[in-house]
Amino acid sequence: MRPFSASACLPHDSGHATLVGRVWRHGPHAGPSIVTVRDGEVFDITATVPTAADLFDLPDAARLAREADGESLGGVEALLAASAGRDAGTGAPTLLAPCDLQAIKACGVTFAVSLIERVIEEQAGGDPARAKEAREAIAALVGTDLSRIRPGSDAAMRLKAELQRRGAWSQYMEVGIGPDAEVFSKAQPMSAVGFGADIGLLPSSVWNNPEPEIVLAVDSAGTPVGATLGNDVNLRDIEGRSALLLGKCKDNNGSCAIGPFVRLFDGNFTLDTVRATSVSLRVEGEDDGFVLEGVSHMQQISRDPAELVAQTCGAHHQYPDGFMLFLGTMFSPIEDRDTSGGGFTHHLGDVVTISAPPLGALVNTVRLATQIAPWTFGARALYRNLAERGLSAGR
């Protein structure tokens, strides 16, 4: 297991990054607080902007994050180290997911590689032992490179007709190359976990994996205002049995990790930076020394991030508290871990690191959803806590 490095969890150009997030404070200020990072120091700016949803809706959010009065909570590397240890006994603040009241949405099958893997899950019926055979059969029928097909185009519709003729069409093909993107509710507001927290698997799942993704922070007007990293924890066997089990597969205790900070868009970081970013994944096994690595290149996404935002929010659907949008991943691990032909699945204790140069790194440990800390602090608890501290949301 590699030693923990707090500095490696920050953007490569952190001195030029406008970083905001949320921490849990103990003592007289107990509760979630909005923080920003300036020159390596963390400042609590909750007195100015009490929720992340409020902050993201401000027209000058990046300027406020840089200039608002705040209480120093110490160095950012110390915060990351405390969060990675999750040692509540120290009384030090620890990172939460950098969102609060926002809906948490996710896009699926936005890369050609993940499209093929979703079809394989369906063909294998959720049985990892059948995945290799299904992969070979699908590749023989449709190939493995669909990246040149623009979703919804005439060429995509011709391919659809041909695949239907061959009996190879799939509901995953429909959202992969059809006109409509797959956008689903990943988790409830306030339920995502942050940097250093445990992430949860259902005890019944025997075939699962991390999904490293970039997550856009979008304000209530539908405008992307920043980005961060996320783990869209996936239970492949459950989704493979039926796509109607997506909710059971995707939304469980600790199944959504976001962080460590949202980097706000400014002159140094824009949506074009996101479009050019590569997201890396590293899984380190606690019990077997297994190491899995992979990279997801945003330049290979089949639908532009702006299109995914537009398909999520508009005249057809509004989000008055804003939303967080997972953009999808091209990474579906197939390396054998336990048995030949069995592919990859998590072991309890796996340390998952998702990183990207402009965003830093999100680090979490795999546990069972039934054994990690339950989710108890929701929207009502947030408003009660803010009121007790003399703060008011919705400014």
Protein backbone atom coordinates (compact mmCIF):
# COMPACT_ATOMS: atom_id res chain seq x y z
CA MET A 1 0.00 0.00 0.00
CA ARG A 2 1.44 3.34 -1.02
CA PRO A 3 1.98 5.84 1.81
CA PHE A 4 -0.60 8.61 1.97
CA SER A 5 0.47 11.95 0.45
CA ALA A 6 -1.76 14.93 1.18
CA SER A 7 -0.03 17.09 -1.42
CA ALA A 8 -0.85 14.54 -4.13
CA CYS A 9 -4.55 15.01 -3.35
CA LEU A 10 -4.49 18.67 -4.42
CA PRO A 11 -4.62 20.04 -7.99
CA HIS A 12 -1.24 20.21 -9.70
CA ASP A 13 -1.67 23.99 -9.89
CA SER A 14 -3.35 24.38 -6.50
CA GLY A 15 -1.85 27.82 -6.04
CA HIS A 16 -4.01 29.02 -8.95
CA ALA A 17 -7.12 26.94 -8.14
CA THR A 18 -10.30 28.31 -6.56
CA LEU A 19 -11.22 25.41 -4.26
CA VAL A 20 -14.36 25.23 -2.12
CA GLY A 21 -15.75 22.42 -0.05
CA ARG A 22 -17.49 21.37 3.13
CA VAL A 23 -16.08 20.15 6.43
CA TRP A 24 -17.56 18.81 9.64
CA ARG A 25 -16.50 20.91 12.59
CA HIS A 26 -16.60 19.80 16.21
CA GLY A 27 -16.98 21.78 19.44
CA PRO A 28 -19.05 24.99 19.66
CA HIS A 29 -19.30 25.20 15.86
CA ALA A 30 -20.32 21.54 15.46
CA GLY A 31 -21.84 20.89 12.06
CA PRO A 32 -21.10 21.30 8.36
CA SER A 33 -19.23 24.40 7.28
CA ILE A 34 -18.41 25.87 3.88
CA VAL A 35 -14.68 26.29 3.37
CA THR A 36 -12.32 27.70 0.78
CA VAL A 37 -8.58 27.20 0.29
CA ARG A 38 -6.24 30.17 -0.06
CA ASP A 39 -2.48 29.79 -0.34
CA GLY A 40 -2.63 26.39 1.32
CA GLU A 41 -4.80 27.56 4.22
CA VAL A 42 -8.43 26.56 4.83
CA PHE A 43 -10.97 29.25 5.76
CA ASP A 44 -14.50 28.75 7.08
CA ILE A 45 -16.79 31.17 5.18
CA THR A 46 -20.12 29.76 6.43
CA ALA A 47 -21.05 33.11 8.01
CA THR A 48 -21.09 34.60 4.51
CA VAL A 49 -22.50 31.67 2.56
CA PRO A 50 -24.02 28.87 4.67
CA THR A 51 -24.58 26.20 2.01
CA ALA A 52 -22.81 25.01 -1.12
CA ALA A 53 -26.07 25.47 -3.04
CA ASP A 54 -26.11 29.15 -2.03
CA LEU A 55 -22.47 29.58 -2.99
CA PHE A 56 -22.84 28.00 -6.43
CA ASP A 57 -25.80 30.25 -7.23
CA LEU A 58 -23.83 33.45 -6.69
CA PRO A 59 -22.80 35.20 -9.92
CA ASP A 60 -19.39 35.96 -8.39
CA ALA A 61 -18.84 32.69 -6.50
CA ALA A 62 -15.16 32.41 -7.40
CA ARG A 63 -14.44 35.99 -6.30
CA LEU A 64 -16.32 35.49 -3.04
CA ALA A 65 -14.39 32.29 -2.34
CA ARG A 66 -11.14 34.22 -2.77
CA GLU A 67 -12.12 37.33 -0.82
CA ALA A 68 -14.83 36.63 1.78
CA ASP A 69 -13.93 36.98 5.45
CA GLY A 70 -13.42 33.65 7.15
CA GLU A 71 -11.98 31.84 10.14
CA SER A 72 -8.74 29.97 9.55
CA LEU A 73 -8.96 26.22 10.17
CA GLY A 74 -5.28 25.56 9.45
CA GLY A 75 -3.44 24.07 6.52
CA VAL A 76 -5.20 22.18 3.74
CA GLU A 77 -2.74 19.29 3.88
CA ALA A 78 -3.50 18.80 7.58
CA LEU A 79 -7.22 18.76 6.73
CA LEU A 80 -6.67 16.10 4.06
CA ALA A 81 -4.55 14.00 6.42
CA ALA A 82 -7.15 14.21 9.20
CA SER A 83 -9.90 13.28 6.74
CA ALA A 84 -7.97 10.29 5.45
CA GLY A 85 -7.56 9.04 9.02
CA ARG A 86 -11.12 9.87 10.04
CA ASP A 87 -9.93 10.14 13.66
CA ALA A 88 -12.86 11.85 15.38
CA GLY A 89 -10.97 11.79 18.66
CA THR A 90 -8.67 14.62 17.58
CA GLY A 91 -11.48 17.14 17.19
CA ALA A 92 -9.97 18.27 13.89
CA PRO A 93 -12.32 19.18 11.02
CA THR A 94 -12.80 16.49 8.37
CA LEU A 95 -13.95 16.78 4.79
CA LEU A 96 -17.52 16.09 3.71
CA ALA A 97 -18.78 15.82 0.15
CA PRO A 98 -18.50 19.37 -1.29
CA CYS A 99 -22.23 19.52 -2.12
CA ASP A 100 -25.29 19.63 0.13
CA LEU A 101 -28.82 20.46 -1.09
CA GLN A 102 -28.13 19.70 -4.75
CA ALA A 103 -29.71 16.73 -6.51
CA ILE A 104 -27.08 14.15 -7.44
CA LYS A 105 -27.52 12.95 -11.02
CA ALA A 106 -25.37 10.68 -13.17
CA CYS A 107 -24.94 9.94 -16.85
CA GLY A 108 -24.37 6.40 -18.02
CA VAL A 109 -22.91 4.87 -21.16
CA THR A 110 -21.19 8.06 -22.31
CA PHE A 111 -18.06 6.26 -23.56
CA ALA A 112 -17.87 3.55 -26.22
CA VAL A 113 -15.83 1.23 -23.99
CA SER A 114 -18.34 1.41 -21.15
CA LEU A 115 -21.14 0.88 -23.67
CA ILE A 116 -19.64 -2.45 -24.69
CA GLU A 117 -19.23 -3.47 -21.04
CA ARG A 118 -22.85 -2.61 -20.20
CA VAL A 119 -24.01 -4.79 -23.10
CA ILE A 120 -21.75 -7.57 -21.79
CA GLU A 121 -23.29 -7.28 -18.32
CA GLU A 122 -26.71 -7.64 -19.89
CA GLN A 123 -25.69 -10.61 -22.05
CA ALA A 124 -24.00 -12.29 -19.07
CA GLY A 125 -27.08 -11.81 -16.91
CA GLY A 126 -24.97 -10.50 -14.04
CA ASP A 127 -22.79 -13.64 -13.95
CA PRO A 128 -19.07 -12.67 -14.04
CA ALA A 129 -18.13 -16.19 -15.17
CA ARG A 130 -20.03 -15.61 -18.43
CA ALA A 131 -18.55 -12.17 -19.11
CA LYS A 132 -15.54 -13.34 -21.14
CA GLU A 133 -17.71 -15.40 -23.48
CA ALA A 134 -20.20 -12.55 -23.86
CA ARG A 135 -17.38 -10.07 -24.53
CA GLU A 136 -16.00 -12.19 -27.36
CA ALA A 137 -19.46 -12.66 -28.90
CA ILE A 138 -20.32 -8.94 -28.77
CA ALA A 139 -16.94 -7.93 -30.21
CA ALA A 140 -17.45 -10.32 -33.10
CA LEU A 141 -20.84 -8.77 -33.86
CA VAL A 142 -20.27 -5.03 -33.40
CA GLY A 143 -16.52 -4.58 -32.88
CA THR A 144 -15.09 -2.62 -29.98
CA ASP A 145 -14.66 0.88 -31.42
CA LEU A 146 -17.91 2.85 -31.46
CA SER A 147 -16.18 6.11 -30.55
CA ARG A 148 -16.55 7.55 -34.06
CA ILE A 149 -20.33 7.24 -33.98
CA ARG A 150 -22.05 10.47 -32.92
CA PRO A 151 -25.12 9.65 -30.80
CA GLY A 152 -28.38 10.37 -32.59
CA SER A 153 -26.74 10.87 -36.00
CA ASP A 154 -27.88 9.24 -39.24
CA ALA A 155 -24.87 6.91 -39.05
CA ALA A 156 -25.90 5.89 -35.52
CA MET A 157 -29.44 5.13 -36.67
CA ARG A 158 -28.13 3.02 -39.55
CA LEU A 159 -25.97 1.08 -37.09
CA LYS A 160 -28.98 0.61 -34.84
CA ALA A 161 -31.00 -0.83 -37.72
CA GLU A 162 -28.20 -3.23 -38.61
CA LEU A 163 -27.74 -4.38 -35.01
CA GLN A 164 -31.47 -4.95 -34.69
CA ARG A 165 -31.35 -7.04 -37.86
CA ARG A 166 -28.58 -9.15 -36.31
CA GLY A 167 -30.40 -9.51 -33.02
CA ALA A 168 -27.64 -7.64 -31.19
CA TRP A 169 -29.54 -4.50 -30.17
CA SER A 170 -29.58 -3.59 -26.47
CA GLN A 171 -31.14 -1.00 -24.20
CA TYR A 172 -27.57 0.12 -23.48
CA MET A 173 -26.98 0.64 -27.20
CA GLU A 174 -30.08 2.82 -27.21
CA VAL A 175 -28.66 5.30 -24.69
CA GLY A 176 -25.11 4.89 -26.00
CA ILE A 177 -25.70 5.88 -29.61
CA GLY A 178 -29.35 6.99 -29.65
CA PRO A 179 -30.50 10.62 -29.34
CA ASP A 180 -31.31 10.49 -25.62
CA ALA A 181 -28.62 10.24 -22.95
CA GLU A 182 -29.04 8.07 -19.87
CA VAL A 183 -29.44 10.41 -16.90
CA PHE A 184 -30.46 8.88 -13.59
CA SER A 185 -30.65 9.88 -9.93
CA LYS A 186 -27.46 8.59 -8.35
CA ALA A 187 -28.05 9.57 -4.73
CA GLN A 188 -30.20 11.75 -2.50
CA PRO A 189 -29.16 15.28 -1.53
CA MET A 190 -26.92 15.23 1.55
CA SER A 191 -26.18 11.49 1.19
CA ALA A 192 -22.85 11.58 -0.68
CA VAL A 193 -19.69 10.86 1.29
CA GLY A 194 -16.46 12.80 0.95
CA PHE A 195 -12.71 12.35 0.80
CA GLY A 196 -11.41 9.70 3.20
CA ALA A 197 -14.81 8.19 3.98
CA ASP A 198 -15.79 4.54 3.62
CA ILE A 199 -17.78 3.61 0.52
CA GLY A 200 -20.37 0.86 0.65
CA LEU A 201 -21.23 -2.32 -1.26
CA LEU A 202 -24.34 -4.42 -0.77
CA PRO A 203 -23.45 -7.72 0.94
CA SER A 204 -25.32 -9.61 -1.80
CA SER A 205 -23.09 -8.26 -4.59
CA VAL A 206 -20.23 -10.46 -5.81
CA TRP A 207 -19.32 -8.50 -8.98
CA ASN A 208 -18.72 -4.78 -8.51
CA ASN A 209 -16.30 -2.01 -9.33
CA PRO A 210 -15.49 1.68 -8.90
CA GLU A 211 -16.44 4.16 -11.60
CA PRO A 212 -14.01 7.12 -11.69
CA GLU A 213 -15.71 10.22 -13.05
CA ILE A 214 -15.62 13.98 -13.26
CA VAL A 215 -18.63 15.57 -11.57
CA LEU A 216 -19.94 18.97 -12.63
CA ALA A 217 -21.39 21.38 -10.07
CA VAL A 218 -24.36 23.06 -11.76
CA ASP A 219 -26.30 26.01 -10.36
CA SER A 220 -30.08 26.42 -10.24
CA ALA A 221 -30.08 28.14 -13.66
CA GLY A 222 -28.48 25.06 -15.25
CA THR A 223 -25.03 26.64 -15.63
CA PRO A 224 -21.93 24.58 -14.75
CA VAL A 225 -19.92 26.51 -12.18
CA GLY A 226 -17.17 24.05 -11.30
CA ALA A 227 -16.05 20.44 -11.21
CA THR A 228 -14.80 17.78 -8.85
CA LEU A 229 -14.16 14.02 -8.77
CA GLY A 230 -16.60 11.24 -8.03
CA ASN A 231 -16.91 7.49 -7.58
CA ASP A 232 -20.17 6.16 -9.02
CA VAL A 233 -19.83 2.84 -7.17
CA ASN A 234 -21.33 0.13 -9.37
CA LEU A 235 -22.76 -3.33 -8.63
CA ARG A 236 -22.36 -5.08 -11.99
CA ASP A 237 -24.10 -8.32 -11.07
CA ILE A 238 -27.26 -6.57 -9.86
CA GLU A 239 -27.53 -4.23 -12.86
CA GLY A 240 -26.70 -7.13 -15.16
CA ARG A 241 -29.69 -9.09 -13.90
CA SER A 242 -32.01 -6.26 -14.90
CA ALA A 243 -31.59 -2.59 -15.73
CA LEU A 244 -34.75 -2.02 -13.68
CA LEU A 245 -32.59 -2.75 -10.63
CA LEU A 246 -30.52 0.38 -11.30
CA GLY A 247 -31.74 2.06 -8.12
CA LYS A 248 -30.74 -0.95 -6.01
CA CYS A 249 -27.43 -1.11 -7.85
CA LYS A 250 -26.53 2.57 -7.59
CA ASP A 251 -28.12 4.16 -4.52
CA ASN A 252 -26.98 2.60 -1.25
CA ASN A 253 -25.30 3.74 1.94
CA GLY A 254 -21.88 5.13 0.96
CA SER A 255 -22.29 4.28 -2.72
CA CYS A 256 -21.62 7.85 -3.89
CA ALA A 257 -18.31 9.58 -3.12
CA ILE A 258 -17.54 13.15 -4.23
CA GLY A 259 -14.52 15.37 -3.55
CA PRO A 260 -12.20 16.44 -2.21
CA PHE A 261 -13.14 19.99 -3.30
CA VAL A 262 -15.13 21.63 -6.06
CA ARG A 263 -12.82 23.66 -8.25
CA LEU A 264 -14.80 26.70 -9.41
CA PHE A 265 -14.52 27.83 -13.00
CA ASP A 266 -12.39 30.95 -13.44
CA GLY A 267 -9.66 32.23 -15.71
CA ASN A 268 -7.42 29.26 -14.86
CA PHE A 269 -10.01 26.47 -15.08
CA THR A 270 -12.93 26.15 -17.50
CA LEU A 271 -15.25 23.60 -19.05
CA ASP A 272 -12.66 23.21 -21.80
CA THR A 273 -10.19 22.07 -19.14
CA VAL A 274 -12.67 19.37 -18.14
CA ARG A 275 -13.04 18.32 -21.78
CA ALA A 276 -9.27 17.79 -22.02
CA THR A 277 -8.75 16.08 -18.65
CA SER A 278 -7.81 12.44 -18.05
CA VAL A 279 -9.08 10.70 -14.91
CA SER A 280 -6.91 8.01 -13.34
CA LEU A 281 -7.98 5.14 -11.11
CA ARG A 282 -5.92 3.06 -8.69
CA VAL A 283 -7.30 0.25 -6.54
CA GLU A 284 -5.02 -1.22 -3.87
CA GLY A 285 -6.09 -4.42 -2.14
CA GLU A 286 -5.66 -4.57 1.62
CA ASP A 287 -5.86 -8.37 1.88
CA ASP A 288 -4.16 -9.56 -1.31
CA GLY A 289 -1.82 -6.77 -2.45
CA PHE A 290 -3.74 -6.54 -5.72
CA VAL A 291 -3.24 -3.33 -7.72
CA LEU A 292 -5.51 -2.17 -10.52
CA GLU A 293 -4.84 0.96 -12.55
CA GLY A 294 -6.63 2.61 -15.43
CA VAL A 295 -7.27 5.94 -17.15
CA SER A 296 -10.41 7.52 -18.57
CA HIS A 297 -9.87 10.24 -21.19
CA MET A 298 -12.58 12.87 -21.37
CA GLN A 299 -11.64 13.60 -24.98
CA GLN A 300 -13.18 10.23 -25.86
CA ILE A 301 -16.59 11.00 -24.37
CA SER A 302 -19.40 10.48 -26.88
CA ARG A 303 -21.58 13.34 -25.62
CA ASP A 304 -20.16 16.75 -24.73
CA PRO A 305 -20.52 17.74 -21.04
CA ALA A 306 -22.61 20.77 -22.04
CA GLU A 307 -25.02 18.49 -23.92
CA LEU A 308 -25.34 16.23 -20.86
CA VAL A 309 -26.19 19.26 -18.71
CA ALA A 310 -28.80 20.38 -21.26
CA GLN A 311 -30.37 16.90 -21.34
CA THR A 312 -30.59 16.99 -17.54
CA CYS A 313 -31.88 20.51 -16.93
CA GLY A 314 -34.00 22.87 -19.01
CA ALA A 315 -37.61 23.66 -19.81
CA HIS A 316 -38.40 19.99 -19.22
CA HIS A 317 -36.88 19.80 -15.71
CA GLN A 318 -35.67 22.38 -13.20
CA TYR A 319 -33.40 22.00 -10.16
CA PRO A 320 -33.99 24.97 -7.83
CA ASP A 321 -31.13 23.88 -5.54
CA GLY A 322 -28.80 23.04 -8.43
CA PHE A 323 -27.37 19.60 -9.10
CA MET A 324 -24.19 17.59 -9.27
CA LEU A 325 -23.74 15.67 -12.53
CA PHE A 326 -21.50 12.61 -12.93
CA LEU A 327 -20.32 12.63 -16.56
CA GLY A 328 -19.68 8.88 -16.93
CA THR A 329 -16.56 6.80 -17.33
CA MET A 330 -14.83 4.79 -20.03
CA PHE A 331 -13.29 2.53 -17.40
CA SER A 332 -14.80 -0.91 -16.73
CA PRO A 333 -12.13 -3.18 -15.22
CA ILE A 334 -11.90 -6.67 -16.71
CA GLU A 335 -8.58 -7.85 -15.23
CA ASP A 336 -8.90 -11.17 -13.41
CA ARG A 337 -8.51 -10.90 -9.66
CA ASP A 338 -9.74 -14.06 -7.96
CA THR A 339 -10.30 -16.62 -10.71
CA SER A 340 -9.33 -16.99 -14.35
CA GLY A 341 -12.07 -15.46 -16.49
CA GLY A 342 -13.79 -14.03 -13.42
CA GLY A 343 -12.74 -10.43 -14.07
CA PHE A 344 -12.38 -7.78 -11.38
CA THR A 345 -14.45 -7.31 -8.26
CA HIS A 346 -13.80 -5.41 -5.05
CA HIS A 347 -12.49 -6.90 -1.83
CA LEU A 348 -13.37 -5.26 1.46
CA GLY A 349 -10.56 -2.95 2.51
CA ASP A 350 -9.67 -1.89 -1.04
CA VAL A 351 -8.36 1.67 -1.16
CA VAL A 352 -9.71 3.48 -4.23
CA THR A 353 -7.92 6.59 -5.51
CA ILE A 354 -9.49 8.63 -8.31
CA SER A 355 -7.32 11.49 -9.53
CA ALA A 356 -6.98 14.13 -12.23
CA PRO A 357 -4.23 16.78 -12.43
CA PRO A 358 -6.55 19.83 -12.28
CA LEU A 359 -8.75 18.38 -9.51
CA GLY A 360 -6.48 16.46 -7.14
CA ALA A 361 -7.44 13.04 -5.79
CA LEU A 362 -10.42 11.42 -4.12
CA VAL A 363 -9.48 8.56 -1.77
CA ASN A 364 -11.95 6.13 -0.17
CA THR A 365 -11.97 2.65 1.40
CA VAL A 366 -14.37 -0.12 0.40
CA ARG A 367 -16.63 -1.58 3.10
CA LEU A 368 -20.12 -3.07 3.30
CA ALA A 369 -23.00 -0.60 3.06
CA THR A 370 -24.58 -2.34 6.05
CA GLN A 371 -21.52 -1.87 8.26
CA ILE A 372 -20.35 1.68 7.61
CA ALA A 373 -21.74 4.72 9.40
CA PRO A 374 -25.45 5.13 8.55
CA TRP A 375 -26.69 8.27 6.82
CA THR A 376 -28.51 10.31 9.46
CA PHE A 377 -27.80 13.98 8.64
CA GLY A 378 -30.27 15.13 6.00
CA ALA A 379 -31.73 18.43 4.82
CA ARG A 380 -33.86 19.00 7.94
CA ALA A 381 -30.85 18.34 10.17
CA LEU A 382 -28.83 20.84 8.12
CA TYR A 383 -31.41 23.59 8.56
CA ARG A 384 -31.77 22.89 12.30
CA ASN A 385 -28.00 22.96 12.70
CA LEU A 386 -27.62 26.24 10.83
CA ALA A 387 -30.42 27.81 12.88
CA GLU A 388 -28.76 26.71 16.14
CA ARG A 389 -25.55 28.40 14.94
CA GLY A 390 -27.39 31.62 14.06
CA LEU A 391 -27.00 31.05 10.32
CA SER A 392 -29.63 31.09 7.60
CA ALA A 393 -29.58 29.28 4.25
CA GLY A 394 -31.23 30.45 1.06
CA ARG A 395 -29.71 33.91 0.96
